[in-house]
């Protein structure tokens, strides 16, 4: 109970429109990265600056960090998932 203490402000939850705007700008940025054949966001140089700027403005930093990490992880998982699907198909053929 100090004279100079101030309660920390609680961050406001993103509204439905805010989330939609974030996801749309993320999708545009990631589409640009796909077109440039870049997997890791931020390593594209100057190719997607405009889309990245909008993405950064429309999404909370924690969301940007999450989406960027998730994109890299999803790319790393593609060959593993393809192999698992191939093995599952092979197992189905053997049991039929």
PDB file of N, CA and C in Angstrom:
ATOM      1  N   UNK A   1       0.838  -1.182   0.000  1.00  0.00           N
ATOM      2  CA  UNK A   1       0.000   0.000   0.000  1.00  0.00           C
ATOM      3  C   UNK A   1       0.880   1.241   0.000  1.00  0.00           C
ATOM      4  N   UNK A   2       1.682   1.405  -1.020  1.00  0.00           N
ATOM      5  CA  UNK A   2       2.537   2.570  -1.119  1.00  0.00           C
ATOM      6  C   UNK A   2       1.847   3.703  -1.857  1.00  0.00           C
ATOM      7  N   UNK A   3       2.320   4.900  -1.630  1.00  0.00           N
ATOM      8  CA  UNK A   3       1.729   6.065  -2.280  1.00  0.00           C
ATOM      9  C   UNK A   3       1.973   6.069  -3.783  1.00  0.00           C
ATOM     10  N   UNK A   4       3.079   5.504  -4.162  1.00  0.00           N
ATOM     11  CA  UNK A   4       3.460   5.556  -5.568  1.00  0.00           C
ATOM     12  C   UNK A   4       3.151   4.272  -6.326  1.00  0.00           C
ATOM     13  N   UNK A   5       2.486   3.353  -5.653  1.00  0.00           N
ATOM     14  CA  UNK A   5       2.192   2.097  -6.352  1.00  0.00           C
ATOM     15  C   UNK A   5       0.992   2.282  -7.269  1.00  0.00           C
ATOM     16  N   UNK A   6       1.061   1.589  -8.354  1.00  0.00           N
ATOM     17  CA  UNK A   6      -0.018   1.642  -9.331  1.00  0.00           C
ATOM     18  C   UNK A   6      -0.289   0.219  -9.775  1.00  0.00           C
ATOM     19  N   UNK A   7      -1.539  -0.141  -9.840  1.00  0.00           N
ATOM     20  CA  UNK A   7      -1.867  -1.494 -10.281  1.00  0.00           C
ATOM     21  C   UNK A   7      -1.461  -1.645 -11.739  1.00  0.00           C
ATOM     22  N   UNK A   8      -0.838  -2.769 -12.049  1.00  0.00           N
ATOM     23  CA  UNK A   8      -0.472  -2.976 -13.455  1.00  0.00           C
ATOM     24  C   UNK A   8      -1.728  -3.101 -14.319  1.00  0.00           C
ATOM     25  N   UNK A   9      -1.628  -2.547 -15.519  1.00  0.00           N
ATOM     26  CA  UNK A   9      -2.771  -2.611 -16.431  1.00  0.00           C
ATOM     27  C   UNK A   9      -2.890  -4.014 -16.992  1.00  0.00           C
ATOM     28  N   UNK A  10      -4.121  -4.493 -17.051  1.00  0.00           N
ATOM     29  CA  UNK A  10      -4.362  -5.806 -17.633  1.00  0.00           C
ATOM     30  C   UNK A  10      -4.498  -5.651 -19.138  1.00  0.00           C
ATOM     31  N   UNK A  11      -3.802  -6.496 -19.900  1.00  0.00           N
ATOM     32  CA  UNK A  11      -3.937  -6.404 -21.351  1.00  0.00           C
ATOM     33  C   UNK A  11      -5.359  -6.788 -21.764  1.00  0.00           C
ATOM     34  N   UNK A  12      -5.862  -6.100 -22.754  1.00  0.00           N
ATOM     35  CA  UNK A  12      -7.202  -6.376 -23.235  1.00  0.00           C
ATOM     36  C   UNK A  12      -7.169  -7.596 -24.151  1.00  0.00           C
ATOM     37  N   UNK A  13      -8.173  -8.429 -24.021  1.00  0.00           N
ATOM     38  CA  UNK A  13      -8.281  -9.591 -24.898  1.00  0.00           C
ATOM     39  C   UNK A  13      -8.594  -9.122 -26.311  1.00  0.00           C
ATOM     40  N   UNK A  14      -8.048  -9.838 -27.265  1.00  0.00           N
ATOM     41  CA  UNK A  14      -8.290  -9.482 -28.661  1.00  0.00           C
ATOM     42  C   UNK A  14      -9.753  -9.765 -29.018  1.00  0.00           C
ATOM     43  N   UNK A  15     -10.346  -8.845 -29.726  1.00  0.00           N
ATOM     44  CA  UNK A  15     -11.729  -9.037 -30.170  1.00  0.00           C
ATOM     45  C   UNK A  15     -11.748  -9.997 -31.359  1.00  0.00           C
ATOM     46  N   UNK A  16     -12.919 -10.424 -31.727  1.00  0.00           N
ATOM     47  CA  UNK A  16     -13.064 -11.305 -32.887  1.00  0.00           C
ATOM     48  C   UNK A  16     -12.497 -10.641 -34.140  1.00  0.00           C
ATOM     49  N   UNK A  17     -12.775  -9.347 -34.306  1.00  0.00           N
ATOM     50  CA  UNK A  17     -12.253  -8.621 -35.472  1.00  0.00           C
ATOM     51  C   UNK A  17     -10.728  -8.519 -35.434  1.00  0.00           C
ATOM     52  N   UNK A  18     -10.175  -8.304 -34.237  1.00  0.00           N
ATOM     53  CA  UNK A  18      -8.712  -8.236 -34.095  1.00  0.00           C
ATOM     54  C   UNK A  18      -8.071  -9.563 -34.479  1.00  0.00           C
ATOM     55  N   UNK A  19      -8.658 -10.653 -34.014  1.00  0.00           N
ATOM     56  CA  UNK A  19      -8.110 -11.970 -34.343  1.00  0.00           C
ATOM     57  C   UNK A  19      -8.203 -12.234 -35.840  1.00  0.00           C
ATOM     58  N   UNK A  20      -9.335 -11.891 -36.425  1.00  0.00           N
ATOM     59  CA  UNK A  20      -9.517 -12.099 -37.863  1.00  0.00           C
ATOM     60  C   UNK A  20      -8.492 -11.301 -38.665  1.00  0.00           C
ATOM     61  N   UNK A  21      -8.281 -10.052 -38.256  1.00  0.00           N
ATOM     62  CA  UNK A  21      -7.303  -9.195 -38.935  1.00  0.00           C
ATOM     63  C   UNK A  21      -5.894  -9.782 -38.805  1.00  0.00           C
ATOM     64  N   UNK A  22      -5.582 -10.300 -37.633  1.00  0.00           N
ATOM     65  CA  UNK A  22      -4.269 -10.911 -37.403  1.00  0.00           C
ATOM     66  C   UNK A  22      -4.094 -12.125 -38.307  1.00  0.00           C
ATOM     67  N   UNK A  23      -5.079 -13.013 -38.316  1.00  0.00           N
ATOM     68  CA  UNK A  23      -4.964 -14.238 -39.110  1.00  0.00           C
ATOM     69  C   UNK A  23      -4.873 -13.939 -40.597  1.00  0.00           C
ATOM     70  N   UNK A  24      -5.630 -12.951 -41.043  1.00  0.00           N
ATOM     71  CA  UNK A  24      -5.577 -12.593 -42.471  1.00  0.00           C
ATOM     72  C   UNK A  24      -4.204 -12.048 -42.843  1.00  0.00           C
ATOM     73  N   UNK A  25      -3.660 -11.180 -41.988  1.00  0.00           N
ATOM     74  CA  UNK A  25      -2.338 -10.620 -42.297  1.00  0.00           C
ATOM     75  C   UNK A  25      -1.257 -11.694 -42.185  1.00  0.00           C
ATOM     76  N   UNK A  26      -1.408 -12.635 -41.247  1.00  0.00           N
ATOM     77  CA  UNK A  26      -0.471 -13.761 -41.149  1.00  0.00           C
ATOM     78  C   UNK A  26      -0.519 -14.593 -42.423  1.00  0.00           C
ATOM     79  N   UNK A  27      -1.726 -14.891 -42.882  1.00  0.00           N
ATOM     80  CA  UNK A  27      -1.879 -15.708 -44.086  1.00  0.00           C
ATOM     81  C   UNK A  27      -1.266 -15.033 -45.310  1.00  0.00           C
ATOM     82  N   UNK A  28      -1.437 -13.715 -45.430  1.00  0.00           N
ATOM     83  CA  UNK A  28      -0.839 -12.985 -46.556  1.00  0.00           C
ATOM     84  C   UNK A  28       0.690 -13.023 -46.486  1.00  0.00           C
ATOM     85  N   UNK A  29       1.214 -12.830 -45.291  1.00  0.00           N
ATOM     86  CA  UNK A  29       2.666 -12.861 -45.107  1.00  0.00           C
ATOM     87  C   UNK A  29       3.212 -14.256 -45.408  1.00  0.00           C
ATOM     88  N   UNK A  30       2.554 -15.285 -44.874  1.00  0.00           N
ATOM     89  CA  UNK A  30       3.027 -16.645 -45.102  1.00  0.00           C
ATOM     90  C   UNK A  30       2.887 -17.042 -46.571  1.00  0.00           C
ATOM     91  N   UNK A  31       1.878 -16.536 -47.256  1.00  0.00           N
ATOM     92  CA  UNK A  31       1.742 -16.786 -48.699  1.00  0.00           C
ATOM     93  C   UNK A  31       2.907 -16.177 -49.456  1.00  0.00           C
ATOM     94  N   UNK A  32       3.305 -14.990 -49.048  1.00  0.00           N
ATOM     95  CA  UNK A  32       4.465 -14.335 -49.663  1.00  0.00           C
ATOM     96  C   UNK A  32       5.723 -15.170 -49.407  1.00  0.00           C
ATOM     97  N   UNK A  33       5.871 -15.677 -48.164  1.00  0.00           N
ATOM     98  CA  UNK A  33       7.027 -16.517 -47.851  1.00  0.00           C
ATOM     99  C   UNK A  33       7.021 -17.788 -48.696  1.00  0.00           C
ATOM    100  N   UNK A  34       5.832 -18.373 -48.874  1.00  0.00           N
ATOM    101  CA  UNK A  34       5.724 -19.576 -49.709  1.00  0.00           C
ATOM    102  C   UNK A  34       6.148 -19.275 -51.143  1.00  0.00           C
ATOM    103  N   UNK A  35       5.686 -18.143 -51.669  1.00  0.00           N
ATOM    104  CA  UNK A  35       6.038 -17.758 -53.035  1.00  0.00           C
ATOM    105  C   UNK A  35       7.547 -17.537 -53.176  1.00  0.00           C
ATOM    106  N   UNK A  36       8.163 -17.037 -52.109  1.00  0.00           N
ATOM    107  CA  UNK A  36       9.609 -16.796 -52.115  1.00  0.00           C
ATOM    108  C   UNK A  36      10.395 -18.043 -51.710  1.00  0.00           C
ATOM    109  N   UNK A  37       9.677 -19.131 -51.415  1.00  0.00           N
ATOM    110  CA  UNK A  37      10.274 -20.396 -50.982  1.00  0.00           C
ATOM    111  C   UNK A  37      11.134 -20.212 -49.729  1.00  0.00           C
ATOM    112  N   UNK A  38      10.566 -19.495 -48.765  1.00  0.00           N
ATOM    113  CA  UNK A  38      11.229 -19.241 -47.489  1.00  0.00           C
ATOM    114  C   UNK A  38      10.438 -19.948 -46.396  1.00  0.00           C
ATOM    115  N   UNK A  39      11.110 -20.744 -45.587  1.00  0.00           N
ATOM    116  CA  UNK A  39      10.437 -21.460 -44.503  1.00  0.00           C
ATOM    117  C   UNK A  39      10.460 -20.641 -43.222  1.00  0.00           C
ATOM    118  N   UNK A  40      11.620 -20.098 -42.867  1.00  0.00           N
ATOM    119  CA  UNK A  40      11.788 -19.403 -41.599  1.00  0.00           C
ATOM    120  C   UNK A  40      11.426 -17.925 -41.753  1.00  0.00           C
ATOM    121  N   UNK A  41      10.334 -17.487 -41.106  1.00  0.00           N
ATOM    122  CA  UNK A  41       9.966 -16.071 -41.178  1.00  0.00           C
ATOM    123  C   UNK A  41      11.090 -15.186 -40.650  1.00  0.00           C
ATOM    124  N   UNK A  42      11.311 -14.092 -41.349  1.00  0.00           N
ATOM    125  CA  UNK A  42      12.371 -13.171 -40.969  1.00  0.00           C
ATOM    126  C   UNK A  42      13.657 -13.389 -41.737  1.00  0.00           C
ATOM    127  N   UNK A  43      13.746 -14.501 -42.468  1.00  0.00           N
ATOM    128  CA  UNK A  43      14.968 -14.777 -43.222  1.00  0.00           C
ATOM    129  C   UNK A  43      14.778 -14.515 -44.712  1.00  0.00           C
ATOM    130  N   UNK A  44      13.721 -13.782 -45.064  1.00  0.00           N
ATOM    131  CA  UNK A  44      13.407 -13.555 -46.471  1.00  0.00           C
ATOM    132  C   UNK A  44      14.042 -12.294 -47.044  1.00  0.00           C
ATOM    133  N   UNK A  45      14.786 -11.577 -46.230  1.00  0.00           N
ATOM    134  CA  UNK A  45      15.390 -10.330 -46.708  1.00  0.00           C
ATOM    135  C   UNK A  45      14.324  -9.269 -46.930  1.00  0.00           C
ATOM    136  N   UNK A  46      14.356  -8.637 -48.102  1.00  0.00           N
ATOM    137  CA  UNK A  46      13.405  -7.558 -48.403  1.00  0.00           C
ATOM    138  C   UNK A  46      12.180  -8.038 -49.174  1.00  0.00           C
ATOM    139  N   UNK A  47      12.039  -9.329 -49.391  1.00  0.00           N
ATOM    140  CA  UNK A  47      11.003  -9.846 -50.283  1.00  0.00           C
ATOM    141  C   UNK A  47       9.578  -9.610 -49.795  1.00  0.00           C
ATOM    142  N   UNK A  48       9.311  -9.692 -48.510  1.00  0.00           N
ATOM    143  CA  UNK A  48       7.943  -9.610 -47.994  1.00  0.00           C
ATOM    144  C   UNK A  48       7.794  -8.519 -46.937  1.00  0.00           C
ATOM    145  N   UNK A  49       8.532  -7.440 -47.096  1.00  0.00           N
ATOM    146  CA  UNK A  49       8.521  -6.380 -46.085  1.00  0.00           C
ATOM    147  C   UNK A  49       7.135  -5.819 -45.811  1.00  0.00           C
ATOM    148  N   UNK A  50       6.379  -5.519 -46.860  1.00  0.00           N
ATOM    149  CA  UNK A  50       5.061  -4.900 -46.673  1.00  0.00           C
ATOM    150  C   UNK A  50       4.132  -5.836 -45.911  1.00  0.00           C
ATOM    151  N   UNK A  51       4.110  -7.113 -46.294  1.00  0.00           N
ATOM    152  CA  UNK A  51       3.243  -8.080 -45.633  1.00  0.00           C
ATOM    153  C   UNK A  51       3.678  -8.307 -44.188  1.00  0.00           C
ATOM    154  N   UNK A  52       4.988  -8.357 -43.955  1.00  0.00           N
ATOM    155  CA  UNK A  52       5.507  -8.561 -42.608  1.00  0.00           C
ATOM    156  C   UNK A  52       5.154  -7.376 -41.708  1.00  0.00           C
ATOM    157  N   UNK A  53       5.229  -6.184 -42.240  1.00  0.00           N
ATOM    158  CA  UNK A  53       4.908  -4.989 -41.457  1.00  0.00           C
ATOM    159  C   UNK A  53       3.449  -5.023 -40.997  1.00  0.00           C
ATOM    160  N   UNK A  54       2.542  -5.366 -41.901  1.00  0.00           N
ATOM    161  CA  UNK A  54       1.119  -5.449 -41.551  1.00  0.00           C
ATOM    162  C   UNK A  54       0.898  -6.564 -40.533  1.00  0.00           C
ATOM    163  N   UNK A  55       1.543  -7.686 -40.744  1.00  0.00           N
ATOM    164  CA  UNK A  55       1.455  -8.832 -39.828  1.00  0.00           C
ATOM    165  C   UNK A  55       1.905  -8.423 -38.423  1.00  0.00           C
ATOM    166  N   UNK A  56       3.034  -7.755 -38.335  1.00  0.00           N
ATOM    167  CA  UNK A  56       3.558  -7.313 -37.035  1.00  0.00           C
ATOM    168  C   UNK A  56       2.621  -6.303 -36.361  1.00  0.00           C
ATOM    169  N   UNK A  57       1.988  -5.454 -37.159  1.00  0.00           N
ATOM    170  CA  UNK A  57       1.076  -4.446 -36.613  1.00  0.00           C
ATOM    171  C   UNK A  57      -0.238  -5.057 -36.129  1.00  0.00           C
ATOM    172  N   UNK A  58      -0.721  -6.069 -36.837  1.00  0.00           N
ATOM    173  CA  UNK A  58      -2.046  -6.617 -36.542  1.00  0.00           C
ATOM    174  C   UNK A  58      -2.053  -7.735 -35.511  1.00  0.00           C
ATOM    175  N   UNK A  59      -0.890  -8.268 -35.183  1.00  0.00           N
ATOM    176  CA  UNK A  59      -0.832  -9.393 -34.248  1.00  0.00           C
ATOM    177  C   UNK A  59       0.034  -9.031 -33.037  1.00  0.00           C
ATOM    178  N   UNK A  60      -0.372  -9.553 -31.890  1.00  0.00           N
ATOM    179  CA  UNK A  60       0.435  -9.385 -30.676  1.00  0.00           C
ATOM    180  C   UNK A  60       1.772 -10.081 -30.877  1.00  0.00           C
ATOM    181  N   UNK A  61       2.811  -9.565 -30.254  1.00  0.00           N
ATOM    182  CA  UNK A  61       4.144 -10.140 -30.413  1.00  0.00           C
ATOM    183  C   UNK A  61       4.160 -11.614 -30.031  1.00  0.00           C
ATOM    184  N   UNK A  62       3.460 -11.980 -28.983  1.00  0.00           N
ATOM    185  CA  UNK A  62       3.427 -13.390 -28.575  1.00  0.00           C
ATOM    186  C   UNK A  62       2.776 -14.259 -29.651  1.00  0.00           C
ATOM    187  N   UNK A  63       1.780 -13.721 -30.347  1.00  0.00           N
ATOM    188  CA  UNK A  63       1.134 -14.460 -31.434  1.00  0.00           C
ATOM    189  C   UNK A  63       2.096 -14.618 -32.606  1.00  0.00           C
ATOM    190  N   UNK A  64       2.789 -13.537 -32.945  1.00  0.00           N
ATOM    191  CA  UNK A  64       3.755 -13.576 -34.047  1.00  0.00           C
ATOM    192  C   UNK A  64       4.822 -14.634 -33.752  1.00  0.00           C
ATOM    193  N   UNK A  65       5.353 -14.625 -32.528  1.00  0.00           N
ATOM    194  CA  UNK A  65       6.368 -15.605 -32.153  1.00  0.00           C
ATOM    195  C   UNK A  65       5.824 -17.029 -32.276  1.00  0.00           C
ATOM    196  N   UNK A  66       4.602 -17.241 -31.795  1.00  0.00           N
ATOM    197  CA  UNK A  66       3.991 -18.567 -31.856  1.00  0.00           C
ATOM    198  C   UNK A  66       3.786 -19.017 -33.300  1.00  0.00           C
ATOM    199  N   UNK A  67       3.158 -18.155 -34.111  1.00  0.00           N
ATOM    200  CA  UNK A  67       2.875 -18.520 -35.505  1.00  0.00           C
ATOM    201  C   UNK A  67       4.161 -18.811 -36.273  1.00  0.00           C
ATOM    202  N   UNK A  68       5.193 -17.994 -36.046  1.00  0.00           N
ATOM    203  CA  UNK A  68       6.457 -18.188 -36.752  1.00  0.00           C
ATOM    204  C   UNK A  68       7.101 -19.522 -36.369  1.00  0.00           C
ATOM    205  N   UNK A  69       7.113 -19.835 -35.073  1.00  0.00           N
ATOM    206  CA  UNK A  69       7.683 -21.111 -34.626  1.00  0.00           C
ATOM    207  C   UNK A  69       6.853 -22.278 -35.151  1.00  0.00           C
ATOM    208  N   UNK A  70       5.537 -22.111 -35.158  1.00  0.00           N
ATOM    209  CA  UNK A  70       4.648 -23.174 -35.628  1.00  0.00           C
ATOM    210  C   UNK A  70       4.860 -23.452 -37.113  1.00  0.00           C
ATOM    211  N   UNK A  71       5.126 -22.400 -37.888  1.00  0.00           N
ATOM    212  CA  UNK A  71       5.376 -22.571 -39.324  1.00  0.00           C
ATOM    213  C   UNK A  71       6.620 -23.426 -39.554  1.00  0.00           C
ATOM    214  N   UNK A  72       7.686 -23.132 -38.834  1.00  0.00           N
ATOM    215  CA  UNK A  72       8.933 -23.881 -38.984  1.00  0.00           C
ATOM    216  C   UNK A  72       8.719 -25.328 -38.547  1.00  0.00           C
ATOM    217  N   UNK A  73       8.046 -25.526 -37.424  1.00  0.00           N
ATOM    218  CA  UNK A  73       7.791 -26.872 -36.929  1.00  0.00           C
ATOM    219  C   UNK A  73       6.955 -27.678 -37.917  1.00  0.00           C
ATOM    220  N   UNK A  74       5.933 -27.060 -38.487  1.00  0.00           N
ATOM    221  CA  UNK A  74       5.080 -27.752 -39.460  1.00  0.00           C
ATOM    222  C   UNK A  74       5.894 -28.196 -40.672  1.00  0.00           C
ATOM    223  N   UNK A  75       6.806 -27.367 -41.121  1.00  0.00           N
ATOM    224  CA  UNK A  75       7.659 -27.738 -42.261  1.00  0.00           C
ATOM    225  C   UNK A  75       8.575 -28.901 -41.904  1.00  0.00           C
ATOM    226  N   UNK A  76       9.077 -28.896 -40.678  1.00  0.00           N
ATOM    227  CA  UNK A  76       9.954 -29.981 -40.244  1.00  0.00           C
ATOM    228  C   UNK A  76       9.186 -31.298 -40.116  1.00  0.00           C
ATOM    229  N   UNK A  77       7.892 -31.213 -39.807  1.00  0.00           N
ATOM    230  CA  UNK A  77       7.085 -32.411 -39.608  1.00  0.00           C
ATOM    231  C   UNK A  77       6.597 -33.033 -40.917  1.00  0.00           C
ATOM    232  N   UNK A  78       6.583 -32.290 -42.003  1.00  0.00           N
ATOM    233  CA  UNK A  78       6.033 -32.795 -43.264  1.00  0.00           C
ATOM    234  C   UNK A  78       6.643 -34.125 -43.698  1.00  0.00           C
ATOM    235  N   UNK A  79       7.976 -34.282 -43.730  1.00  0.00           N
ATOM    236  CA  UNK A  79       8.515 -35.574 -44.168  1.00  0.00           C
ATOM    237  C   UNK A  79       8.187 -36.705 -43.191  1.00  0.00           C
ATOM    238  N   UNK A  80       8.131 -36.391 -41.915  1.00  0.00           N
ATOM    239  CA  UNK A  80       7.814 -37.410 -40.914  1.00  0.00           C
ATOM    240  C   UNK A  80       6.371 -37.883 -41.089  1.00  0.00           C
ATOM    241  N   UNK A  81       5.454 -36.944 -41.304  1.00  0.00           N
ATOM    242  CA  UNK A  81       4.054 -37.293 -41.501  1.00  0.00           C
ATOM    243  C   UNK A  81       3.852 -38.059 -42.807  1.00  0.00           C
ATOM    244  N   UNK A  82       4.571 -37.668 -43.833  1.00  0.00           N
ATOM    245  CA  UNK A  82       4.474 -38.380 -45.111  1.00  0.00           C
ATOM    246  C   UNK A  82       4.954 -39.826 -44.952  1.00  0.00           C
ATOM    247  N   UNK A  83       6.027 -40.021 -44.224  1.00  0.00           N
ATOM    248  CA  UNK A  83       6.545 -41.367 -43.998  1.00  0.00           C
ATOM    249  C   UNK A  83       5.549 -42.185 -43.167  1.00  0.00           C
ATOM    250  N   UNK A  84       4.962 -41.577 -42.144  1.00  0.00           N
ATOM    251  CA  UNK A  84       3.986 -42.280 -41.312  1.00  0.00           C
ATOM    252  C   UNK A  84       2.762 -42.681 -42.135  1.00  0.00           C
ATOM    253  N   UNK A  85       2.297 -41.790 -43.009  1.00  0.00           N
ATOM    254  CA  UNK A  85       1.159 -42.116 -43.874  1.00  0.00           C
ATOM    255  C   UNK A  85       1.497 -43.252 -44.828  1.00  0.00           C
ATOM    256  N   UNK A  86       2.703 -43.233 -45.358  1.00  0.00           N
ATOM    257  CA  UNK A  86       3.133 -44.291 -46.274  1.00  0.00           C
ATOM    258  C   UNK A  86       3.195 -45.632 -45.544  1.00  0.00           C
ATOM    259  N   UNK A  87       3.708 -45.623 -44.328  1.00  0.00           N
ATOM    260  CA  UNK A  87       3.779 -46.845 -43.535  1.00  0.00           C
ATOM    261  C   UNK A  87       2.382 -47.354 -43.182  1.00  0.00           C
ATOM    262  N   UNK A  88       1.460 -46.439 -42.891  1.00  0.00           N
ATOM    263  CA  UNK A  88       0.087 -46.831 -42.570  1.00  0.00           C
ATOM    264  C   UNK A  88      -0.583 -47.464 -43.781  1.00  0.00           C
ATOM    265  N   UNK A  89      -0.376 -46.885 -44.962  1.00  0.00           N
ATOM    266  CA  UNK A  89      -0.934 -47.451 -46.196  1.00  0.00           C
ATOM    267  C   UNK A  89      -0.349 -48.831 -46.477  1.00  0.00           C
ATOM    268  N   UNK A  90       0.937 -48.962 -46.257  1.00  0.00           N
ATOM    269  CA  UNK A  90       1.600 -50.248 -46.477  1.00  0.00           C
ATOM    270  C   UNK A  90       1.048 -51.302 -45.516  1.00  0.00           C
ATOM    271  N   UNK A  91       0.828 -50.927 -44.272  1.00  0.00           N
ATOM    272  CA  UNK A  91       0.282 -51.857 -43.285  1.00  0.00           C
ATOM    273  C   UNK A  91      -1.133 -52.282 -43.655  1.00  0.00           C
ATOM    274  N   UNK A  92      -1.926 -51.358 -44.193  1.00  0.00           N
ATOM    275  CA  UNK A  92      -3.286 -51.674 -44.631  1.00  0.00           C
ATOM    276  C   UNK A  92      -3.261 -52.695 -45.766  1.00  0.00           C
ATOM    277  N   UNK A  93      -2.336 -52.501 -46.704  1.00  0.00           N
ATOM    278  CA  UNK A  93      -2.231 -53.425 -47.837  1.00  0.00           C
ATOM    279  C   UNK A  93      -1.822 -54.816 -47.385  1.00  0.00           C
ATOM    280  N   UNK A  94      -0.969 -54.902 -46.396  1.00  0.00           N
ATOM    281  CA  UNK A  94      -0.500 -56.202 -45.914  1.00  0.00           C
ATOM    282  C   UNK A  94      -1.595 -56.961 -45.181  1.00  0.00           C
ATOM    283  N   UNK A  95      -2.476 -56.229 -44.499  1.00  0.00           N
ATOM    284  CA  UNK A  95      -3.537 -56.895 -43.729  1.00  0.00           C
ATOM    285  C   UNK A  95      -4.755 -57.203 -44.584  1.00  0.00           C
ATOM    286  N   UNK A  96      -4.845 -56.614 -45.737  1.00  0.00           N
ATOM    287  CA  UNK A  96      -6.019 -56.856 -46.607  1.00  0.00           C
ATOM    288  C   UNK A  96      -5.881 -58.097 -47.428  1.00  0.00           C
TER     289      UNK A  96
END
